Amino acid sequence: MKIIDIKNHLHDKDVQEILSQSIYMPTEEKLNLCSSQYQSDESVSAFACIDEGVIIGIIIVKTLTTNSFEILNLAVDPSFRGKGIGSSLISSFIKNISHGKIFAETDDDAVGFYRNYGFNIKALPEKYPNCIRYLCTLILP
């Protein structure tokens, strides 16, 4: 497995297929809009985990300040979940920064993943009606 930069390939079908795993009610239009916005934003980075030439996971991160970052999307092909792909993507990103904070917002489906990685979790129950979201924060030394 290896991690590669995919910022210029966000409209590729195989990338969008994985990206769709991290977007609420994904449509082709939504995926194309997200991809276009990410590609045009210089503060956004996008990486994929590749196994035998196939994209099995992606991470899209926005630089907020010189030492704070937000994970916009983290998605792993369902058949590869539970195998450390998401953790590898986060770890690979962390290697490229020296210190700071990483934020992510998620739902019940992924909050355990972030908790297990070491993120601090804060519930955001008032953000959306009938839906609890979580703010996940990782402070790097």
N, C-alpha and C. Protein backbone atom coordinates (compact mmCIF):
# COMPACT_ATOMS: atom_id res chain seq x y z
N MET A 1 0.84 -1.19 0.00
CA MET A 1 0.00 0.00 0.00
C MET A 1 0.88 1.24 0.00
N LYS A 2 0.38 2.27 -0.67
CA LYS A 2 1.09 3.54 -0.64
C LYS A 2 0.07 4.67 -0.65
N ILE A 3 0.51 5.84 -0.20
CA ILE A 3 -0.33 7.03 -0.13
C ILE A 3 0.16 7.99 -1.22
N ILE A 4 -0.79 8.48 -2.03
CA ILE A 4 -0.43 9.40 -3.11
C ILE A 4 -1.33 10.64 -3.08
N ASP A 5 -0.83 11.71 -3.66
CA ASP A 5 -1.59 12.96 -3.79
C ASP A 5 -2.59 12.78 -4.94
N ILE A 6 -3.86 13.09 -4.67
CA ILE A 6 -4.89 12.94 -5.71
C ILE A 6 -5.66 14.24 -5.97
N LYS A 7 -5.10 15.35 -5.52
CA LYS A 7 -5.84 16.62 -5.65
C LYS A 7 -6.27 16.88 -7.09
N ASN A 8 -5.44 16.56 -8.05
CA ASN A 8 -5.79 16.81 -9.45
C ASN A 8 -6.60 15.68 -10.08
N HIS A 9 -7.03 14.72 -9.26
CA HIS A 9 -7.79 13.58 -9.77
C HIS A 9 -9.12 13.40 -9.05
N LEU A 10 -9.60 14.45 -8.41
CA LEU A 10 -10.83 14.33 -7.62
C LEU A 10 -12.08 14.06 -8.44
N HIS A 11 -12.02 14.32 -9.74
CA HIS A 11 -13.17 14.05 -10.60
C HIS A 11 -13.13 12.64 -11.20
N ASP A 12 -12.04 11.90 -10.94
CA ASP A 12 -11.95 10.53 -11.45
C ASP A 12 -13.03 9.67 -10.81
N LYS A 13 -13.57 8.78 -11.59
CA LYS A 13 -14.68 7.93 -11.13
C LYS A 13 -14.30 7.11 -9.89
N ASP A 14 -13.10 6.52 -9.89
CA ASP A 14 -12.71 5.69 -8.75
C ASP A 14 -12.52 6.51 -7.47
N VAL A 15 -12.07 7.75 -7.60
CA VAL A 15 -11.95 8.64 -6.44
C VAL A 15 -13.33 9.01 -5.93
N GLN A 16 -14.22 9.39 -6.84
CA GLN A 16 -15.56 9.80 -6.43
C GLN A 16 -16.35 8.64 -5.82
N GLU A 17 -16.07 7.43 -6.26
CA GLU A 17 -16.74 6.27 -5.69
C GLU A 17 -16.40 6.14 -4.20
N ILE A 18 -15.14 6.34 -3.85
CA ILE A 18 -14.74 6.28 -2.43
C ILE A 18 -15.23 7.53 -1.71
N LEU A 19 -15.10 8.68 -2.31
CA LEU A 19 -15.56 9.94 -1.70
C LEU A 19 -17.04 9.86 -1.34
N SER A 20 -17.82 9.18 -2.15
CA SER A 20 -19.26 9.07 -1.89
C SER A 20 -19.56 8.42 -0.55
N GLN A 21 -18.61 7.65 -0.01
CA GLN A 21 -18.79 6.99 1.28
C GLN A 21 -18.81 7.99 2.44
N SER A 22 -18.33 9.23 2.19
CA SER A 22 -18.23 10.21 3.27
C SER A 22 -19.12 11.43 3.05
N ILE A 23 -20.04 11.34 2.11
CA ILE A 23 -20.94 12.46 1.82
C ILE A 23 -22.38 12.01 2.05
N TYR A 24 -23.11 12.85 2.77
CA TYR A 24 -24.50 12.54 3.08
C TYR A 24 -25.33 12.57 1.80
N MET A 25 -26.03 11.50 1.54
CA MET A 25 -26.87 11.35 0.36
C MET A 25 -26.15 11.82 -0.92
N PRO A 26 -25.07 11.11 -1.27
CA PRO A 26 -24.28 11.56 -2.42
C PRO A 26 -25.02 11.40 -3.75
N THR A 27 -24.84 12.39 -4.58
CA THR A 27 -25.33 12.34 -5.95
C THR A 27 -24.15 12.71 -6.84
N GLU A 28 -24.25 12.42 -8.10
CA GLU A 28 -23.18 12.78 -9.03
C GLU A 28 -22.93 14.29 -8.99
N GLU A 29 -24.02 15.05 -8.91
CA GLU A 29 -23.90 16.51 -8.85
C GLU A 29 -23.16 16.96 -7.59
N LYS A 30 -23.52 16.39 -6.44
CA LYS A 30 -22.85 16.74 -5.18
C LYS A 30 -21.37 16.39 -5.22
N LEU A 31 -21.06 15.20 -5.73
CA LEU A 31 -19.67 14.76 -5.80
C LEU A 31 -18.85 15.66 -6.71
N ASN A 32 -19.42 16.03 -7.86
CA ASN A 32 -18.71 16.92 -8.78
C ASN A 32 -18.52 18.30 -8.18
N LEU A 33 -19.52 18.80 -7.47
CA LEU A 33 -19.42 20.11 -6.83
C LEU A 33 -18.33 20.10 -5.76
N CYS A 34 -18.34 19.08 -4.90
CA CYS A 34 -17.29 18.96 -3.87
C CYS A 34 -15.91 18.88 -4.51
N SER A 35 -15.79 18.04 -5.50
CA SER A 35 -14.49 17.87 -6.17
C SER A 35 -14.00 19.17 -6.76
N SER A 36 -14.87 19.92 -7.39
CA SER A 36 -14.49 21.21 -7.99
C SER A 36 -14.07 22.21 -6.91
N GLN A 37 -14.84 22.26 -5.83
CA GLN A 37 -14.51 23.18 -4.74
C GLN A 37 -13.17 22.82 -4.12
N TYR A 38 -12.93 21.55 -3.89
CA TYR A 38 -11.67 21.13 -3.29
C TYR A 38 -10.49 21.43 -4.21
N GLN A 39 -10.66 21.17 -5.51
CA GLN A 39 -9.56 21.40 -6.44
C GLN A 39 -9.21 22.88 -6.55
N SER A 40 -10.19 23.75 -6.45
CA SER A 40 -9.92 25.18 -6.61
C SER A 40 -9.44 25.84 -5.32
N ASP A 41 -9.52 25.15 -4.20
CA ASP A 41 -9.14 25.72 -2.91
C ASP A 41 -7.69 25.33 -2.59
N GLU A 42 -6.80 26.32 -2.59
CA GLU A 42 -5.38 26.05 -2.35
C GLU A 42 -5.10 25.53 -0.95
N SER A 43 -6.04 25.72 -0.02
CA SER A 43 -5.82 25.26 1.35
C SER A 43 -6.25 23.80 1.55
N VAL A 44 -6.74 23.16 0.50
CA VAL A 44 -7.21 21.78 0.59
C VAL A 44 -6.19 20.83 -0.03
N SER A 45 -5.92 19.75 0.70
CA SER A 45 -5.05 18.67 0.22
C SER A 45 -5.87 17.40 0.13
N ALA A 46 -5.53 16.54 -0.81
CA ALA A 46 -6.27 15.29 -0.99
C ALA A 46 -5.29 14.16 -1.27
N PHE A 47 -5.46 13.06 -0.52
CA PHE A 47 -4.57 11.91 -0.65
C PHE A 47 -5.39 10.63 -0.70
N ALA A 48 -4.81 9.63 -1.35
CA ALA A 48 -5.47 8.33 -1.43
C ALA A 48 -4.50 7.24 -1.01
N CYS A 49 -5.07 6.19 -0.46
CA CYS A 49 -4.33 4.98 -0.17
C CYS A 49 -4.60 4.03 -1.34
N ILE A 50 -3.52 3.55 -1.94
CA ILE A 50 -3.60 2.69 -3.11
C ILE A 50 -3.08 1.30 -2.74
N ASP A 51 -3.82 0.28 -3.14
CA ASP A 51 -3.39 -1.10 -2.94
C ASP A 51 -3.52 -1.82 -4.27
N GLU A 52 -2.40 -2.29 -4.79
CA GLU A 52 -2.35 -2.97 -6.08
C GLU A 52 -3.03 -2.16 -7.18
N GLY A 53 -2.76 -0.86 -7.19
CA GLY A 53 -3.28 0.03 -8.22
C GLY A 53 -4.71 0.48 -8.04
N VAL A 54 -5.35 0.08 -6.92
CA VAL A 54 -6.75 0.43 -6.68
C VAL A 54 -6.85 1.36 -5.48
N ILE A 55 -7.63 2.43 -5.63
CA ILE A 55 -7.86 3.36 -4.51
C ILE A 55 -8.78 2.68 -3.52
N ILE A 56 -8.30 2.59 -2.26
CA ILE A 56 -9.11 1.94 -1.23
C ILE A 56 -9.49 2.90 -0.10
N GLY A 57 -8.93 4.10 -0.11
CA GLY A 57 -9.28 5.08 0.91
C GLY A 57 -8.80 6.46 0.51
N ILE A 58 -9.47 7.48 1.02
CA ILE A 58 -9.07 8.86 0.74
C ILE A 58 -9.18 9.70 2.00
N ILE A 59 -8.38 10.76 2.03
CA ILE A 59 -8.49 11.77 3.07
C ILE A 59 -8.37 13.13 2.39
N ILE A 60 -9.26 14.03 2.77
CA ILE A 60 -9.23 15.39 2.25
C ILE A 60 -9.15 16.31 3.46
N VAL A 61 -8.11 17.16 3.48
CA VAL A 61 -7.83 17.99 4.64
C VAL A 61 -7.69 19.45 4.21
N LYS A 62 -8.27 20.33 5.01
CA LYS A 62 -8.17 21.77 4.77
C LYS A 62 -7.25 22.37 5.82
N THR A 63 -6.28 23.18 5.39
CA THR A 63 -5.42 23.91 6.31
C THR A 63 -6.18 25.15 6.73
N LEU A 64 -6.45 25.27 8.04
CA LEU A 64 -7.17 26.42 8.57
C LEU A 64 -6.21 27.54 8.93
N THR A 65 -5.13 27.20 9.63
CA THR A 65 -4.03 28.12 9.95
C THR A 65 -2.75 27.32 9.80
N THR A 66 -1.63 27.92 10.14
CA THR A 66 -0.36 27.20 9.99
C THR A 66 -0.28 25.98 10.88
N ASN A 67 -1.10 25.93 11.93
CA ASN A 67 -1.04 24.76 12.81
C ASN A 67 -2.41 24.22 13.19
N SER A 68 -3.42 24.44 12.34
CA SER A 68 -4.71 23.79 12.56
C SER A 68 -5.29 23.33 11.23
N PHE A 69 -5.88 22.14 11.29
CA PHE A 69 -6.32 21.46 10.08
C PHE A 69 -7.68 20.81 10.33
N GLU A 70 -8.48 20.73 9.28
CA GLU A 70 -9.77 20.08 9.39
C GLU A 70 -9.85 18.95 8.37
N ILE A 71 -10.19 17.76 8.86
CA ILE A 71 -10.44 16.64 7.96
C ILE A 71 -11.84 16.86 7.40
N LEU A 72 -11.91 17.13 6.10
CA LEU A 72 -13.20 17.36 5.45
C LEU A 72 -13.86 16.04 5.09
N ASN A 73 -13.07 15.10 4.63
CA ASN A 73 -13.57 13.77 4.25
C ASN A 73 -12.52 12.74 4.57
N LEU A 74 -12.98 11.63 5.10
CA LEU A 74 -12.15 10.46 5.31
C LEU A 74 -13.04 9.27 4.97
N ALA A 75 -12.64 8.52 3.97
CA ALA A 75 -13.49 7.42 3.50
C ALA A 75 -12.63 6.23 3.10
N VAL A 76 -13.15 5.05 3.42
CA VAL A 76 -12.47 3.81 3.07
C VAL A 76 -13.48 2.90 2.39
N ASP A 77 -13.02 2.24 1.33
CA ASP A 77 -13.85 1.26 0.64
C ASP A 77 -14.40 0.29 1.68
N PRO A 78 -15.72 0.05 1.68
CA PRO A 78 -16.31 -0.82 2.70
C PRO A 78 -15.64 -2.18 2.85
N SER A 79 -15.12 -2.74 1.78
CA SER A 79 -14.48 -4.06 1.88
C SER A 79 -13.10 -4.00 2.53
N PHE A 80 -12.57 -2.80 2.77
CA PHE A 80 -11.26 -2.65 3.40
C PHE A 80 -11.35 -2.02 4.79
N ARG A 81 -12.54 -1.77 5.28
CA ARG A 81 -12.69 -1.16 6.60
C ARG A 81 -12.22 -2.12 7.69
N GLY A 82 -11.73 -1.52 8.76
CA GLY A 82 -11.24 -2.31 9.88
C GLY A 82 -9.85 -2.86 9.68
N LYS A 83 -9.16 -2.40 8.63
CA LYS A 83 -7.82 -2.90 8.32
C LYS A 83 -6.74 -1.83 8.48
N GLY A 84 -7.09 -0.72 9.14
CA GLY A 84 -6.11 0.32 9.41
C GLY A 84 -5.90 1.33 8.31
N ILE A 85 -6.73 1.32 7.28
CA ILE A 85 -6.56 2.24 6.15
C ILE A 85 -6.80 3.68 6.59
N GLY A 86 -7.89 3.93 7.30
CA GLY A 86 -8.19 5.29 7.77
C GLY A 86 -7.09 5.80 8.69
N SER A 87 -6.63 4.95 9.59
CA SER A 87 -5.54 5.34 10.49
C SER A 87 -4.27 5.64 9.71
N SER A 88 -3.98 4.85 8.70
CA SER A 88 -2.79 5.08 7.86
C SER A 88 -2.87 6.42 7.14
N LEU A 89 -4.06 6.76 6.66
CA LEU A 89 -4.23 8.04 5.98
C LEU A 89 -4.00 9.21 6.94
N ILE A 90 -4.56 9.13 8.14
CA ILE A 90 -4.34 10.20 9.12
C ILE A 90 -2.87 10.26 9.52
N SER A 91 -2.27 9.11 9.80
CA SER A 91 -0.87 9.07 10.20
C SER A 91 0.04 9.65 9.13
N SER A 92 -0.24 9.34 7.88
CA SER A 92 0.55 9.87 6.78
C SER A 92 0.45 11.39 6.72
N PHE A 93 -0.75 11.91 6.93
CA PHE A 93 -0.91 13.36 6.94
C PHE A 93 -0.15 13.97 8.10
N ILE A 94 -0.24 13.37 9.28
CA ILE A 94 0.43 13.90 10.48
C ILE A 94 1.94 13.97 10.28
N LYS A 95 2.52 13.02 9.56
CA LYS A 95 3.97 13.02 9.31
C LYS A 95 4.42 14.28 8.59
N ASN A 96 3.51 14.92 7.85
CA ASN A 96 3.86 16.10 7.08
C ASN A 96 3.68 17.41 7.84
N ILE A 97 3.19 17.34 9.07
CA ILE A 97 3.04 18.54 9.88
C ILE A 97 3.79 18.33 11.18
N SER A 98 4.32 19.38 11.73
CA SER A 98 5.14 19.21 12.93
C SER A 98 4.33 19.25 14.22
N HIS A 99 3.32 20.08 14.26
CA HIS A 99 2.51 20.19 15.47
C HIS A 99 1.20 20.88 15.11
N GLY A 100 0.29 20.93 16.07
CA GLY A 100 -0.95 21.64 15.83
C GLY A 100 -2.17 20.84 16.25
N LYS A 101 -3.30 21.23 15.70
CA LYS A 101 -4.57 20.58 16.00
C LYS A 101 -5.21 20.10 14.71
N ILE A 102 -5.84 18.95 14.81
CA ILE A 102 -6.61 18.42 13.68
C ILE A 102 -8.05 18.26 14.17
N PHE A 103 -8.97 18.79 13.39
CA PHE A 103 -10.39 18.71 13.72
C PHE A 103 -11.10 17.84 12.68
N ALA A 104 -12.16 17.21 13.10
CA ALA A 104 -13.05 16.49 12.19
C ALA A 104 -14.44 16.54 12.80
N GLU A 105 -15.44 16.60 11.95
CA GLU A 105 -16.82 16.49 12.43
C GLU A 105 -17.38 15.21 11.85
N THR A 106 -18.08 14.45 12.70
CA THR A 106 -18.58 13.17 12.23
C THR A 106 -19.91 12.83 12.90
N ASP A 107 -20.38 11.62 12.60
CA ASP A 107 -21.65 11.14 13.15
C ASP A 107 -21.40 9.87 13.95
N ASP A 108 -22.48 9.22 14.37
CA ASP A 108 -22.37 8.00 15.18
C ASP A 108 -21.58 6.90 14.47
N ASP A 109 -21.66 6.84 13.15
CA ASP A 109 -21.01 5.76 12.41
C ASP A 109 -19.48 5.79 12.54
N ALA A 110 -18.88 6.98 12.65
CA ALA A 110 -17.42 7.07 12.64
C ALA A 110 -16.81 7.62 13.93
N VAL A 111 -17.63 8.03 14.89
CA VAL A 111 -17.07 8.63 16.10
C VAL A 111 -16.15 7.66 16.84
N GLY A 112 -16.48 6.38 16.84
CA GLY A 112 -15.63 5.38 17.49
C GLY A 112 -14.25 5.29 16.85
N PHE A 113 -14.20 5.40 15.53
CA PHE A 113 -12.91 5.39 14.83
C PHE A 113 -12.04 6.52 15.34
N TYR A 114 -12.58 7.75 15.37
CA TYR A 114 -11.80 8.90 15.82
C TYR A 114 -11.41 8.76 17.29
N ARG A 115 -12.30 8.27 18.12
CA ARG A 115 -12.00 8.05 19.54
C ARG A 115 -10.84 7.06 19.67
N ASN A 116 -10.89 5.97 18.93
CA ASN A 116 -9.83 4.97 19.00
C ASN A 116 -8.50 5.50 18.50
N TYR A 117 -8.52 6.43 17.57
CA TYR A 117 -7.27 7.00 17.07
C TYR A 117 -6.64 7.94 18.09
N GLY A 118 -7.46 8.46 19.02
CA GLY A 118 -6.93 9.36 20.04
C GLY A 118 -7.52 10.75 20.04
N PHE A 119 -8.51 10.97 19.18
CA PHE A 119 -9.17 12.27 19.14
C PHE A 119 -10.03 12.44 20.40
N ASN A 120 -10.12 13.67 20.91
CA ASN A 120 -11.08 14.00 21.96
C ASN A 120 -12.42 14.24 21.27
N ILE A 121 -13.50 13.79 21.89
CA ILE A 121 -14.83 13.84 21.27
C ILE A 121 -15.74 14.76 22.07
N LYS A 122 -16.45 15.64 21.35
CA LYS A 122 -17.45 16.50 21.97
C LYS A 122 -18.73 16.39 21.13
N ALA A 123 -19.83 16.04 21.79
CA ALA A 123 -21.11 15.95 21.08
C ALA A 123 -21.61 17.33 20.71
N LEU A 124 -22.19 17.43 19.53
CA LEU A 124 -22.80 18.68 19.03
C LEU A 124 -24.28 18.42 18.76
N PRO A 125 -25.05 18.08 19.80
CA PRO A 125 -26.44 17.65 19.57
C PRO A 125 -27.34 18.73 19.00
N GLU A 126 -26.99 19.98 19.18
CA GLU A 126 -27.87 21.05 18.71
C GLU A 126 -27.59 21.48 17.26
N LYS A 127 -26.62 20.90 16.64
CA LYS A 127 -26.25 21.34 15.29
C LYS A 127 -27.35 21.06 14.26
N TYR A 128 -27.88 19.85 14.26
CA TYR A 128 -28.94 19.49 13.33
C TYR A 128 -30.07 18.84 14.13
N PRO A 129 -31.32 19.12 13.77
CA PRO A 129 -32.43 18.49 14.50
C PRO A 129 -32.41 16.97 14.34
N ASN A 130 -32.64 16.28 15.42
CA ASN A 130 -32.74 14.81 15.44
C ASN A 130 -31.48 14.10 14.95
N CYS A 131 -30.34 14.77 15.05
CA CYS A 131 -29.09 14.17 14.57
C CYS A 131 -27.95 14.68 15.45
N ILE A 132 -27.24 13.76 16.08
CA ILE A 132 -26.09 14.17 16.88
C ILE A 132 -24.84 14.09 16.02
N ARG A 133 -24.12 15.18 15.99
CA ARG A 133 -22.82 15.25 15.33
C ARG A 133 -21.76 15.36 16.41
N TYR A 134 -20.54 15.07 16.06
CA TYR A 134 -19.45 15.10 17.03
C TYR A 134 -18.28 15.91 16.47
N LEU A 135 -17.70 16.73 17.33
CA LEU A 135 -16.48 17.43 17.00
C LEU A 135 -15.34 16.61 17.57
N CYS A 136 -14.44 16.19 16.71
CA CYS A 136 -13.31 15.37 17.11
C CYS A 136 -12.05 16.23 16.99
N THR A 137 -11.23 16.25 18.05
CA THR A 137 -10.05 17.11 18.07
C THR A 137 -8.84 16.29 18.49
N LEU A 138 -7.76 16.41 17.73
CA LEU A 138 -6.50 15.76 18.06
C LEU A 138 -5.45 16.85 18.17
N ILE A 139 -4.84 16.95 19.35
CA ILE A 139 -3.79 17.94 19.56
C ILE A 139 -2.45 17.24 19.45
N LEU A 140 -1.64 17.73 18.52
CA LEU A 140 -0.31 17.15 18.29
C LEU A 140 0.72 17.90 19.10
N PRO A 141 1.72 17.21 19.63
CA PRO A 141 2.75 17.88 20.45
C PRO A 141 3.58 18.85 19.63
